Amino acid sequence: MGEPEECIEVLDKWIQSEKNTIYDENIKGPENSQDVLNTYMERLESFGKRLLSAIKHEDLFELQELNWPNELMECIKDMNIRIVITDRIECWFLRYHFVKSKLHINELAAENAGLE
């Protein structure tokens, strides 16, 4: 691996999986209090910050602790690909907490069902 497209494809699948895991650990149902949603956002941000720091410092132990896929180890050695990877991590974990979360996907499915 090492081609940008392959790296991004693996990264996106991994990020979705990690977001789902964090979602499942924090969101208990369709009706959540603001505290539950805040906790979810804080967990995403904490995870994202740890991940960005581990990538920046090439901390292999921390990356393993965060379930970083072995396939992406080569990708972060290429600075051009690393920039894209860190931008995506920042967007998915630090900026857009609910985009592509299970909550968001369920809401989109409900909206689409209502349009039929």
PDB file of N, CA and C in Angstrom:
ATOM      1  N   MET A   1       0.865  -1.180   0.000  1.00  0.00           N
ATOM      2  CA  MET A   1       0.000   0.000   0.000  1.00  0.00           C
ATOM      3  C   MET A   1       0.899   1.226   0.000  1.00  0.00           C
ATOM      4  N   GLY A   2       0.333   2.343  -0.245  1.00  0.00           N
ATOM      5  CA  GLY A   2       1.081   3.573  -0.305  1.00  0.00           C
ATOM      6  C   GLY A   2       0.529   4.512  -1.361  1.00  0.00           C
ATOM      7  N   GLU A   3      -0.354   3.992  -2.209  1.00  0.00           N
ATOM      8  CA  GLU A   3      -1.002   4.842  -3.195  1.00  0.00           C
ATOM      9  C   GLU A   3      -2.056   5.686  -2.472  1.00  0.00           C
ATOM     10  N   PRO A   4      -2.126   6.970  -2.786  1.00  0.00           N
ATOM     11  CA  PRO A   4      -3.069   7.841  -2.072  1.00  0.00           C
ATOM     12  C   PRO A   4      -4.511   7.331  -2.053  1.00  0.00           C
ATOM     13  N   GLU A   5      -4.992   6.846  -3.188  1.00  0.00           N
ATOM     14  CA  GLU A   5      -6.379   6.398  -3.260  1.00  0.00           C
ATOM     15  C   GLU A   5      -6.628   5.205  -2.340  1.00  0.00           C
ATOM     16  N   GLU A   6      -5.685   4.265  -2.330  1.00  0.00           N
ATOM     17  CA  GLU A   6      -5.817   3.089  -1.465  1.00  0.00           C
ATOM     18  C   GLU A   6      -5.781   3.498   0.006  1.00  0.00           C
ATOM     19  N   CYS A   7      -4.874   4.408   0.330  1.00  0.00           N
ATOM     20  CA  CYS A   7      -4.754   4.876   1.710  1.00  0.00           C
ATOM     21  C   CYS A   7      -6.053   5.528   2.183  1.00  0.00           C
ATOM     22  N   ILE A   8      -6.614   6.378   1.350  1.00  0.00           N
ATOM     23  CA  ILE A   8      -7.836   7.098   1.713  1.00  0.00           C
ATOM     24  C   ILE A   8      -9.006   6.129   1.847  1.00  0.00           C
ATOM     25  N   GLU A   9      -9.073   5.145   0.983  1.00  0.00           N
ATOM     26  CA  GLU A   9     -10.152   4.157   1.066  1.00  0.00           C
ATOM     27  C   GLU A   9     -10.079   3.378   2.388  1.00  0.00           C
ATOM     28  N   VAL A  10      -8.892   2.919   2.741  1.00  0.00           N
ATOM     29  CA  VAL A  10      -8.718   2.191   4.007  1.00  0.00           C
ATOM     30  C   VAL A  10      -8.993   3.120   5.187  1.00  0.00           C
ATOM     31  N   LEU A  11      -8.492   4.347   5.099  1.00  0.00           N
ATOM     32  CA  LEU A  11      -8.700   5.326   6.168  1.00  0.00           C
ATOM     33  C   LEU A  11     -10.181   5.588   6.406  1.00  0.00           C
ATOM     34  N   ASP A  12     -10.935   5.835   5.340  1.00  0.00           N
ATOM     35  CA  ASP A  12     -12.354   6.143   5.489  1.00  0.00           C
ATOM     36  C   ASP A  12     -13.128   4.986   6.122  1.00  0.00           C
ATOM     37  N   LYS A  13     -12.819   3.774   5.708  1.00  0.00           N
ATOM     38  CA  LYS A  13     -13.481   2.606   6.310  1.00  0.00           C
ATOM     39  C   LYS A  13     -13.119   2.483   7.781  1.00  0.00           C
ATOM     40  N   TRP A  14     -11.863   2.703   8.105  1.00  0.00           N
ATOM     41  CA  TRP A  14     -11.420   2.601   9.494  1.00  0.00           C
ATOM     42  C   TRP A  14     -12.064   3.696  10.349  1.00  0.00           C
ATOM     43  N   ILE A  15     -12.076   4.919   9.836  1.00  0.00           N
ATOM     44  CA  ILE A  15     -12.688   6.023  10.587  1.00  0.00           C
ATOM     45  C   ILE A  15     -14.162   5.731  10.853  1.00  0.00           C
ATOM     46  N   GLN A  16     -14.868   5.254   9.838  1.00  0.00           N
ATOM     47  CA  GLN A  16     -16.287   4.938  10.019  1.00  0.00           C
ATOM     48  C   GLN A  16     -16.457   3.886  11.107  1.00  0.00           C
ATOM     49  N   SER A  17     -15.624   2.890  11.100  1.00  0.00           N
ATOM     50  CA  SER A  17     -15.690   1.833  12.112  1.00  0.00           C
ATOM     51  C   SER A  17     -15.424   2.388  13.507  1.00  0.00           C
ATOM     52  N   GLU A  18     -14.424   3.231  13.635  1.00  0.00           N
ATOM     53  CA  GLU A  18     -14.091   3.813  14.944  1.00  0.00           C
ATOM     54  C   GLU A  18     -15.206   4.742  15.425  1.00  0.00           C
ATOM     55  N   LYS A  19     -15.769   5.540  14.509  1.00  0.00           N
ATOM     56  CA  LYS A  19     -16.887   6.405  14.894  1.00  0.00           C
ATOM     57  C   LYS A  19     -18.077   5.575  15.356  1.00  0.00           C
ATOM     58  N   ASN A  20     -18.329   4.458  14.667  1.00  0.00           N
ATOM     59  CA  ASN A  20     -19.422   3.578  15.078  1.00  0.00           C
ATOM     60  C   ASN A  20     -19.176   2.997  16.459  1.00  0.00           C
ATOM     61  N   THR A  21     -17.940   2.609  16.739  1.00  0.00           N
ATOM     62  CA  THR A  21     -17.606   2.061  18.052  1.00  0.00           C
ATOM     63  C   THR A  21     -17.834   3.099  19.144  1.00  0.00           C
ATOM     64  N   ILE A  22     -17.346   4.305  18.925  1.00  0.00           N
ATOM     65  CA  ILE A  22     -17.527   5.376  19.911  1.00  0.00           C
ATOM     66  C   ILE A  22     -19.008   5.706  20.061  1.00  0.00           C
ATOM     67  N   TYR A  23     -19.730   5.700  18.964  1.00  0.00           N
ATOM     68  CA  TYR A  23     -21.174   5.936  18.996  1.00  0.00           C
ATOM     69  C   TYR A  23     -21.863   4.874  19.856  1.00  0.00           C
ATOM     70  N   ASP A  24     -21.568   3.607  19.583  1.00  0.00           N
ATOM     71  CA  ASP A  24     -22.197   2.506  20.318  1.00  0.00           C
ATOM     72  C   ASP A  24     -21.885   2.551  21.810  1.00  0.00           C
ATOM     73  N   GLU A  25     -20.698   3.030  22.152  1.00  0.00           N
ATOM     74  CA  GLU A  25     -20.306   3.126  23.560  1.00  0.00           C
ATOM     75  C   GLU A  25     -21.000   4.279  24.287  1.00  0.00           C
ATOM     76  N   ASN A  26     -21.487   5.258  23.549  1.00  0.00           N
ATOM     77  CA  ASN A  26     -22.023   6.472  24.177  1.00  0.00           C
ATOM     78  C   ASN A  26     -23.495   6.733  23.936  1.00  0.00           C
ATOM     79  N   ILE A  27     -23.985   6.439  22.760  1.00  0.00           N
ATOM     80  CA  ILE A  27     -25.368   6.753  22.413  1.00  0.00           C
ATOM     81  C   ILE A  27     -26.222   5.525  22.707  1.00  0.00           C
ATOM     82  N   LYS A  28     -27.240   5.724  23.543  1.00  0.00           N
ATOM     83  CA  LYS A  28     -28.022   4.582  24.022  1.00  0.00           C
ATOM     84  C   LYS A  28     -29.358   4.405  23.326  1.00  0.00           C
ATOM     85  N   GLY A  29     -29.765   5.354  22.533  1.00  0.00           N
ATOM     86  CA  GLY A  29     -31.045   5.230  21.852  1.00  0.00           C
ATOM     87  C   GLY A  29     -31.326   6.466  21.028  1.00  0.00           C
ATOM     88  N   PRO A  30     -32.495   6.530  20.416  1.00  0.00           N
ATOM     89  CA  PRO A  30     -32.806   7.664  19.555  1.00  0.00           C
ATOM     90  C   PRO A  30     -33.002   8.982  20.316  1.00  0.00           C
ATOM     91  N   GLU A  31     -33.391   8.890  21.569  1.00  0.00           N
ATOM     92  CA  GLU A  31     -33.600  10.096  22.371  1.00  0.00           C
ATOM     93  C   GLU A  31     -32.451  10.230  23.366  1.00  0.00           C
ATOM     94  N   ASN A  32     -31.599  11.213  23.151  1.00  0.00           N
ATOM     95  CA  ASN A  32     -30.434  11.397  24.004  1.00  0.00           C
ATOM     96  C   ASN A  32     -30.443  12.799  24.587  1.00  0.00           C
ATOM     97  N   SER A  33     -30.009  12.890  25.818  1.00  0.00           N
ATOM     98  CA  SER A  33     -29.909  14.206  26.443  1.00  0.00           C
ATOM     99  C   SER A  33     -28.703  14.940  25.870  1.00  0.00           C
ATOM    100  N   GLN A  34     -28.658  16.210  26.110  1.00  0.00           N
ATOM    101  CA  GLN A  34     -27.529  17.014  25.644  1.00  0.00           C
ATOM    102  C   GLN A  34     -26.236  16.519  26.283  1.00  0.00           C
ATOM    103  N   ASP A  35     -26.304  16.050  27.529  1.00  0.00           N
ATOM    104  CA  ASP A  35     -25.107  15.520  28.197  1.00  0.00           C
ATOM    105  C   ASP A  35     -24.549  14.306  27.465  1.00  0.00           C
ATOM    106  N   VAL A  36     -25.428  13.424  27.014  1.00  0.00           N
ATOM    107  CA  VAL A  36     -24.996  12.230  26.281  1.00  0.00           C
ATOM    108  C   VAL A  36     -24.331  12.643  24.967  1.00  0.00           C
ATOM    109  N   LEU A  37     -24.942  13.576  24.265  1.00  0.00           N
ATOM    110  CA  LEU A  37     -24.379  14.033  22.994  1.00  0.00           C
ATOM    111  C   LEU A  37     -23.049  14.758  23.205  1.00  0.00           C
ATOM    112  N   ASN A  38     -22.951  15.538  24.273  1.00  0.00           N
ATOM    113  CA  ASN A  38     -21.693  16.221  24.588  1.00  0.00           C
ATOM    114  C   ASN A  38     -20.588  15.216  24.908  1.00  0.00           C
ATOM    115  N   THR A  39     -20.937  14.172  25.653  1.00  0.00           N
ATOM    116  CA  THR A  39     -19.955  13.140  25.977  1.00  0.00           C
ATOM    117  C   THR A  39     -19.457  12.463  24.708  1.00  0.00           C
ATOM    118  N   TYR A  40     -20.385  12.177  23.806  1.00  0.00           N
ATOM    119  CA  TYR A  40     -20.016  11.578  22.518  1.00  0.00           C
ATOM    120  C   TYR A  40     -19.048  12.487  21.767  1.00  0.00           C
ATOM    121  N   MET A  41     -19.357  13.776  21.688  1.00  0.00           N
ATOM    122  CA  MET A  41     -18.490  14.724  21.002  1.00  0.00           C
ATOM    123  C   MET A  41     -17.123  14.804  21.674  1.00  0.00           C
ATOM    124  N   GLU A  42     -17.103  14.816  22.986  1.00  0.00           N
ATOM    125  CA  GLU A  42     -15.833  14.876  23.715  1.00  0.00           C
ATOM    126  C   GLU A  42     -14.987  13.638  23.470  1.00  0.00           C
ATOM    127  N   ARG A  43     -15.622  12.482  23.418  1.00  0.00           N
ATOM    128  CA  ARG A  43     -14.890  11.234  23.135  1.00  0.00           C
ATOM    129  C   ARG A  43     -14.295  11.265  21.735  1.00  0.00           C
ATOM    130  N   LEU A  44     -15.070  11.740  20.755  1.00  0.00           N
ATOM    131  CA  LEU A  44     -14.556  11.855  19.387  1.00  0.00           C
ATOM    132  C   LEU A  44     -13.362  12.799  19.334  1.00  0.00           C
ATOM    133  N   GLU A  45     -13.493  13.945  19.992  1.00  0.00           N
ATOM    134  CA  GLU A  45     -12.414  14.929  19.981  1.00  0.00           C
ATOM    135  C   GLU A  45     -11.164  14.394  20.668  1.00  0.00           C
ATOM    136  N   SER A  46     -11.337  13.747  21.792  1.00  0.00           N
ATOM    137  CA  SER A  46     -10.206  13.184  22.515  1.00  0.00           C
ATOM    138  C   SER A  46      -9.499  12.134  21.657  1.00  0.00           C
ATOM    139  N   PHE A  47     -10.261  11.257  21.056  1.00  0.00           N
ATOM    140  CA  PHE A  47      -9.710  10.225  20.186  1.00  0.00           C
ATOM    141  C   PHE A  47      -8.953  10.862  19.025  1.00  0.00           C
ATOM    142  N   GLY A  48      -9.575  11.840  18.382  1.00  0.00           N
ATOM    143  CA  GLY A  48      -8.954  12.512  17.243  1.00  0.00           C
ATOM    144  C   GLY A  48      -7.659  13.212  17.609  1.00  0.00           C
ATOM    145  N   LYS A  49      -7.637  13.879  18.749  1.00  0.00           N
ATOM    146  CA  LYS A  49      -6.420  14.577  19.194  1.00  0.00           C
ATOM    147  C   LYS A  49      -5.298  13.590  19.505  1.00  0.00           C
ATOM    148  N   ARG A  50      -5.643  12.495  20.170  1.00  0.00           N
ATOM    149  CA  ARG A  50      -4.632  11.464  20.453  1.00  0.00           C
ATOM    150  C   ARG A  50      -4.077  10.897  19.150  1.00  0.00           C
ATOM    151  N   LEU A  51      -4.959  10.669  18.207  1.00  0.00           N
ATOM    152  CA  LEU A  51      -4.558  10.101  16.929  1.00  0.00           C
ATOM    153  C   LEU A  51      -3.645  11.059  16.159  1.00  0.00           C
ATOM    154  N   LEU A  52      -4.026  12.317  16.091  1.00  0.00           N
ATOM    155  CA  LEU A  52      -3.199  13.301  15.387  1.00  0.00           C
ATOM    156  C   LEU A  52      -1.828  13.432  16.040  1.00  0.00           C
ATOM    157  N   SER A  53      -1.789  13.436  17.357  1.00  0.00           N
ATOM    158  CA  SER A  53      -0.516  13.519  18.075  1.00  0.00           C
ATOM    159  C   SER A  53       0.355  12.295  17.791  1.00  0.00           C
ATOM    160  N   ALA A  54      -0.256  11.115  17.807  1.00  0.00           N
ATOM    161  CA  ALA A  54       0.495   9.881  17.554  1.00  0.00           C
ATOM    162  C   ALA A  54       1.061   9.871  16.133  1.00  0.00           C
ATOM    163  N   ILE A  55       0.285  10.363  15.181  1.00  0.00           N
ATOM    164  CA  ILE A  55       0.761  10.422  13.800  1.00  0.00           C
ATOM    165  C   ILE A  55       1.911  11.424  13.695  1.00  0.00           C
ATOM    166  N   LYS A  56       1.718  12.585  14.282  1.00  0.00           N
ATOM    167  CA  LYS A  56       2.741  13.636  14.229  1.00  0.00           C
ATOM    168  C   LYS A  56       4.067  13.143  14.797  1.00  0.00           C
ATOM    169  N   HIS A  57       3.998  12.432  15.923  1.00  0.00           N
ATOM    170  CA  HIS A  57       5.214  11.960  16.593  1.00  0.00           C
ATOM    171  C   HIS A  57       5.634  10.565  16.159  1.00  0.00           C
ATOM    172  N   GLU A  58       4.896  10.001  15.204  1.00  0.00           N
ATOM    173  CA  GLU A  58       5.152   8.642  14.733  1.00  0.00           C
ATOM    174  C   GLU A  58       5.279   7.671  15.905  1.00  0.00           C
ATOM    175  N   ASP A  59       4.340   7.797  16.828  1.00  0.00           N
ATOM    176  CA  ASP A  59       4.307   6.975  18.037  1.00  0.00           C
ATOM    177  C   ASP A  59       3.588   5.665  17.729  1.00  0.00           C
ATOM    178  N   LEU A  60       4.363   4.655  17.376  1.00  0.00           N
ATOM    179  CA  LEU A  60       3.784   3.382  16.951  1.00  0.00           C
ATOM    180  C   LEU A  60       2.990   2.712  18.065  1.00  0.00           C
ATOM    181  N   PHE A  61       3.457   2.829  19.305  1.00  0.00           N
ATOM    182  CA  PHE A  61       2.726   2.231  20.424  1.00  0.00           C
ATOM    183  C   PHE A  61       1.352   2.871  20.570  1.00  0.00           C
ATOM    184  N   GLU A  62       1.300   4.192  20.536  1.00  0.00           N
ATOM    185  CA  GLU A  62       0.020   4.901  20.670  1.00  0.00           C
ATOM    186  C   GLU A  62      -0.893   4.583  19.491  1.00  0.00           C
ATOM    187  N   LEU A  63      -0.337   4.516  18.296  1.00  0.00           N
ATOM    188  CA  LEU A  63      -1.149   4.172  17.127  1.00  0.00           C
ATOM    189  C   LEU A  63      -1.755   2.785  17.286  1.00  0.00           C
ATOM    190  N   GLN A  64      -0.991   1.849  17.794  1.00  0.00           N
ATOM    191  CA  GLN A  64      -1.531   0.506  18.042  1.00  0.00           C
ATOM    192  C   GLN A  64      -2.623   0.548  19.097  1.00  0.00           C
ATOM    193  N   GLU A  65      -2.427   1.337  20.131  1.00  0.00           N
ATOM    194  CA  GLU A  65      -3.444   1.489  21.179  1.00  0.00           C
ATOM    195  C   GLU A  65      -4.751   2.037  20.615  1.00  0.00           C
ATOM    196  N   LEU A  66      -4.641   2.837  19.569  1.00  0.00           N
ATOM    197  CA  LEU A  66      -5.814   3.464  18.954  1.00  0.00           C
ATOM    198  C   LEU A  66      -6.371   2.637  17.792  1.00  0.00           C
ATOM    199  N   ASN A  67      -5.902   1.398  17.646  1.00  0.00           N
ATOM    200  CA  ASN A  67      -6.373   0.491  16.587  1.00  0.00           C
ATOM    201  C   ASN A  67      -6.000   0.944  15.186  1.00  0.00           C
ATOM    202  N   TRP A  68      -4.964   1.742  15.054  1.00  0.00           N
ATOM    203  CA  TRP A  68      -4.543   2.233  13.748  1.00  0.00           C
ATOM    204  C   TRP A  68      -4.199   1.045  12.853  1.00  0.00           C
ATOM    205  N   PRO A  69      -4.789   0.960  11.663  1.00  0.00           N
ATOM    206  CA  PRO A  69      -4.550  -0.188  10.778  1.00  0.00           C
ATOM    207  C   PRO A  69      -3.093  -0.258  10.301  1.00  0.00           C
ATOM    208  N   ASN A  70      -2.549  -1.447  10.310  1.00  0.00           N
ATOM    209  CA  ASN A  70      -1.182  -1.644   9.822  1.00  0.00           C
ATOM    210  C   ASN A  70      -1.034  -1.181   8.383  1.00  0.00           C
ATOM    211  N   GLU A  71      -2.109  -1.336   7.593  1.00  0.00           N
ATOM    212  CA  GLU A  71      -2.056  -0.926   6.186  1.00  0.00           C
ATOM    213  C   GLU A  71      -1.753   0.560   6.025  1.00  0.00           C
ATOM    214  N   LEU A  72      -2.067   1.349   7.050  1.00  0.00           N
ATOM    215  CA  LEU A  72      -1.867   2.792   6.943  1.00  0.00           C
ATOM    216  C   LEU A  72      -0.515   3.266   7.470  1.00  0.00           C
ATOM    217  N   MET A  73       0.276   2.358   8.024  1.00  0.00           N
ATOM    218  CA  MET A  73       1.582   2.751   8.557  1.00  0.00           C
ATOM    219  C   MET A  73       2.472   3.327   7.461  1.00  0.00           C
ATOM    220  N   GLU A  74       2.487   2.684   6.299  1.00  0.00           N
ATOM    221  CA  GLU A  74       3.294   3.192   5.183  1.00  0.00           C
ATOM    222  C   GLU A  74       2.751   4.525   4.676  1.00  0.00           C
ATOM    223  N   CYS A  75       1.447   4.674   4.721  1.00  0.00           N
ATOM    224  CA  CYS A  75       0.808   5.886   4.197  1.00  0.00           C
ATOM    225  C   CYS A  75       1.255   7.134   4.947  1.00  0.00           C
ATOM    226  N   ILE A  76       1.408   7.025   6.257  1.00  0.00           N
ATOM    227  CA  ILE A  76       1.748   8.230   7.025  1.00  0.00           C
ATOM    228  C   ILE A  76       3.226   8.593   6.909  1.00  0.00           C
ATOM    229  N   LYS A  77       4.010   7.754   6.248  1.00  0.00           N
ATOM    230  CA  LYS A  77       5.426   8.086   6.014  1.00  0.00           C
ATOM    231  C   LYS A  77       5.568   9.065   4.856  1.00  0.00           C
ATOM    232  N   ASP A  78       4.592   9.090   3.965  1.00  0.00           N
ATOM    233  CA  ASP A  78       4.589  10.010   2.828  1.00  0.00           C
ATOM    234  C   ASP A  78       3.903  11.304   3.275  1.00  0.00           C
ATOM    235  N   MET A  79       4.639  12.396   3.306  1.00  0.00           N
ATOM    236  CA  MET A  79       4.100  13.653   3.840  1.00  0.00           C
ATOM    237  C   MET A  79       2.877  14.151   3.073  1.00  0.00           C
ATOM    238  N   ASN A  80       2.834  13.923   1.776  1.00  0.00           N
ATOM    239  CA  ASN A  80       1.671  14.365   1.000  1.00  0.00           C
ATOM    240  C   ASN A  80       0.420  13.600   1.408  1.00  0.00           C
ATOM    241  N   ILE A  81       0.561  12.305   1.586  1.00  0.00           N
ATOM    242  CA  ILE A  81      -0.578  11.496   2.012  1.00  0.00           C
ATOM    243  C   ILE A  81      -0.912  11.796   3.473  1.00  0.00           C
ATOM    244  N   ARG A  82       0.112  11.994   4.286  1.00  0.00           N
ATOM    245  CA  ARG A  82      -0.105  12.293   5.709  1.00  0.00           C
ATOM    246  C   ARG A  82      -0.961  13.543   5.885  1.00  0.00           C
ATOM    247  N   ILE A  83      -0.725  14.548   5.064  1.00  0.00           N
ATOM    248  CA  ILE A  83      -1.519  15.784   5.156  1.00  0.00           C
ATOM    249  C   ILE A  83      -2.996  15.493   4.900  1.00  0.00           C
ATOM    250  N   VAL A  84      -3.277  14.708   3.877  1.00  0.00           N
ATOM    251  CA  VAL A  84      -4.660  14.356   3.558  1.00  0.00           C
ATOM    252  C   VAL A  84      -5.265  13.544   4.710  1.00  0.00           C
ATOM    253  N   ILE A  85      -4.500  12.600   5.233  1.00  0.00           N
ATOM    254  CA  ILE A  85      -4.973  11.760   6.338  1.00  0.00           C
ATOM    255  C   ILE A  85      -5.291  12.604   7.564  1.00  0.00           C
ATOM    256  N   THR A  86      -4.382  13.493   7.934  1.00  0.00           N
ATOM    257  CA  THR A  86      -4.626  14.302   9.141  1.00  0.00           C
ATOM    258  C   THR A  86      -5.786  15.271   8.937  1.00  0.00           C
ATOM    259  N   ASP A  87      -5.939  15.794   7.727  1.00  0.00           N
ATOM    260  CA  ASP A  87      -7.091  16.661   7.440  1.00  0.00           C
ATOM    261  C   ASP A  87      -8.400  15.892   7.612  1.00  0.00           C
ATOM    262  N   ARG A  88      -8.439  14.666   7.104  1.00  0.00           N
ATOM    263  CA  ARG A  88      -9.661  13.857   7.214  1.00  0.00           C
ATOM    264  C   ARG A  88      -9.946  13.517   8.681  1.00  0.00           C
ATOM    265  N   ILE A  89      -8.924  13.175   9.417  1.00  0.00           N
ATOM    266  CA  ILE A  89      -9.104  12.863  10.839  1.00  0.00           C
ATOM    267  C   ILE A  89      -9.643  14.081  11.569  1.00  0.00           C
ATOM    268  N   GLU A  90      -9.070  15.236  11.290  1.00  0.00           N
ATOM    269  CA  GLU A  90      -9.525  16.466  11.937  1.00  0.00           C
ATOM    270  C   GLU A  90     -10.994  16.738  11.610  1.00  0.00           C
ATOM    271  N   CYS A  91     -11.371  16.566  10.357  1.00  0.00           N
ATOM    272  CA  CYS A  91     -12.764  16.797   9.962  1.00  0.00           C
ATOM    273  C   CYS A  91     -13.704  15.806  10.636  1.00  0.00           C
ATOM    274  N   TRP A  92     -13.398  14.533  10.561  1.00  0.00           N
ATOM    275  CA  TRP A  92     -14.316  13.492  11.033  1.00  0.00           C
ATOM    276  C   TRP A  92     -14.424  13.440  12.554  1.00  0.00           C
ATOM    277  N   PHE A  93     -13.340  13.760  13.267  1.00  0.00           N
ATOM    278  CA  PHE A  93     -13.371  13.619  14.723  1.00  0.00           C
ATOM    279  C   PHE A  93     -13.467  14.948  15.468  1.00  0.00           C
ATOM    280  N   LEU A  94     -12.941  16.025  14.900  1.00  0.00           N
ATOM    281  CA  LEU A  94     -12.891  17.283  15.641  1.00  0.00           C
ATOM    282  C   LEU A  94     -13.887  18.332  15.166  1.00  0.00           C
ATOM    283  N   ARG A  95     -14.282  18.293  13.912  1.00  0.00           N
ATOM    284  CA  ARG A  95     -15.189  19.324  13.391  1.00  0.00           C
ATOM    285  C   ARG A  95     -16.615  18.845  13.205  1.00  0.00           C
ATOM    286  N   TYR A  96     -16.769  17.742  12.520  1.00  0.00           N
ATOM    287  CA  TYR A  96     -18.096  17.282  12.129  1.00  0.00           C
ATOM    288  C   TYR A  96     -18.437  16.005  12.895  1.00  0.00           C
ATOM    289  N   HIS A  97     -18.754  16.173  14.151  1.00  0.00           N
ATOM    290  CA  HIS A  97     -18.960  15.042  15.055  1.00  0.00           C
ATOM    291  C   HIS A  97     -20.048  14.088  14.589  1.00  0.00           C
ATOM    292  N   PHE A  98     -21.105  14.623  14.055  1.00  0.00           N
ATOM    293  CA  PHE A  98     -22.260  13.782  13.750  1.00  0.00           C
ATOM    294  C   PHE A  98     -22.335  13.354  12.293  1.00  0.00           C
ATOM    295  N   VAL A  99     -21.522  13.935  11.428  1.00  0.00           N
ATOM    296  CA  VAL A  99     -21.535  13.542  10.028  1.00  0.00           C
ATOM    297  C   VAL A  99     -21.032  12.109   9.921  1.00  0.00           C
ATOM    298  N   LYS A 100     -21.795  11.309   9.231  1.00  0.00           N
ATOM    299  CA  LYS A 100     -21.525   9.891   9.027  1.00  0.00           C
ATOM    300  C   LYS A 100     -21.511   9.082  10.322  1.00  0.00           C
ATOM    301  N   SER A 101     -22.075   9.638  11.381  1.00  0.00           N
ATOM    302  CA  SER A 101     -22.270   8.833  12.590  1.00  0.00           C
ATOM    303  C   SER A 101     -23.531   8.003  12.359  1.00  0.00           C
ATOM    304  N   LYS A 102     -23.746   7.008  13.190  1.00  0.00           N
ATOM    305  CA  LYS A 102     -24.966   6.202  13.051  1.00  0.00           C
ATOM    306  C   LYS A 102     -26.203   7.070  13.202  1.00  0.00           C
ATOM    307  N   LEU A 103     -26.143   8.047  14.087  1.00  0.00           N
ATOM    308  CA  LEU A 103     -27.265   8.955  14.294  1.00  0.00           C
ATOM    309  C   LEU A 103     -27.580   9.691  12.988  1.00  0.00           C
ATOM    310  N   HIS A 104     -26.578  10.209  12.332  1.00  0.00           N
ATOM    311  CA  HIS A 104     -26.740  10.943  11.077  1.00  0.00           C
ATOM    312  C   HIS A 104     -27.284  10.031   9.984  1.00  0.00           C
ATOM    313  N   ILE A 105     -26.725   8.841   9.863  1.00  0.00           N
ATOM    314  CA  ILE A 105     -27.161   7.892   8.843  1.00  0.00           C
ATOM    315  C   ILE A 105     -28.618   7.486   9.069  1.00  0.00           C
ATOM    316  N   ASN A 106     -28.996   7.263  10.331  1.00  0.00           N
ATOM    317  CA  ASN A 106     -30.391   6.918  10.647  1.00  0.00           C
ATOM    318  C   ASN A 106     -31.336   8.073  10.314  1.00  0.00           C
ATOM    319  N   GLU A 107     -30.913   9.302  10.626  1.00  0.00           N
ATOM    320  CA  GLU A 107     -31.744  10.465  10.308  1.00  0.00           C
ATOM    321  C   GLU A 107     -31.920  10.622   8.802  1.00  0.00           C
ATOM    322  N   LEU A 108     -30.852  10.410   8.042  1.00  0.00           N
ATOM    323  CA  LEU A 108     -30.945  10.496   6.577  1.00  0.00           C
ATOM    324  C   LEU A 108     -31.865   9.419   6.030  1.00  0.00           C
ATOM    325  N   ALA A 109     -31.771   8.210   6.580  1.00  0.00           N
ATOM    326  CA  ALA A 109     -32.633   7.128   6.117  1.00  0.00           C
ATOM    327  C   ALA A 109     -34.096   7.440   6.402  1.00  0.00           C
ATOM    328  N   ALA A 110     -34.384   8.006   7.580  1.00  0.00           N
ATOM    329  CA  ALA A 110     -35.749   8.374   7.938  1.00  0.00           C
ATOM    330  C   ALA A 110     -36.272   9.463   7.001  1.00  0.00           C
ATOM    331  N   GLU A 111     -35.424  10.452   6.707  1.00  0.00           N
ATOM    332  CA  GLU A 111     -35.833  11.518   5.789  1.00  0.00           C
ATOM    333  C   GLU A 111     -36.103  10.959   4.395  1.00  0.00           C
ATOM    334  N   ASN A 112     -35.228  10.097   3.932  1.00  0.00           N
ATOM    335  CA  ASN A 112     -35.411   9.511   2.606  1.00  0.00           C
ATOM    336  C   ASN A 112     -36.661   8.640   2.543  1.00  0.00           C
ATOM    337  N   ALA A 113     -36.942   7.934   3.616  1.00  0.00           N
ATOM    338  CA  ALA A 113     -38.159   7.088   3.663  1.00  0.00           C
ATOM    339  C   ALA A 113     -39.396   7.966   3.596  1.00  0.00           C
ATOM    340  N   GLY A 114     -39.330   9.145   4.210  1.00  0.00           N
ATOM    341  CA  GLY A 114     -40.469  10.056   4.190  1.00  0.00           C
ATOM    342  C   GLY A 114     -40.698  10.677   2.827  1.00  0.00           C
ATOM    343  N   LEU A 115     -39.687  10.693   2.002  1.00  0.00           N
ATOM    344  CA  LEU A 115     -39.812  11.276   0.665  1.00  0.00           C
ATOM    345  C   LEU A 115     -40.402  10.307  -0.343  1.00  0.00           C
ATOM    346  N   GLU A 116     -40.438   9.037  -0.003  1.00  0.00           N
ATOM    347  CA  GLU A 116     -40.951   8.032  -0.945  1.00  0.00           C
ATOM    348  C   GLU A 116     -42.441   7.937  -0.898  1.00  0.00           C
TER     349      GLU A 116
END
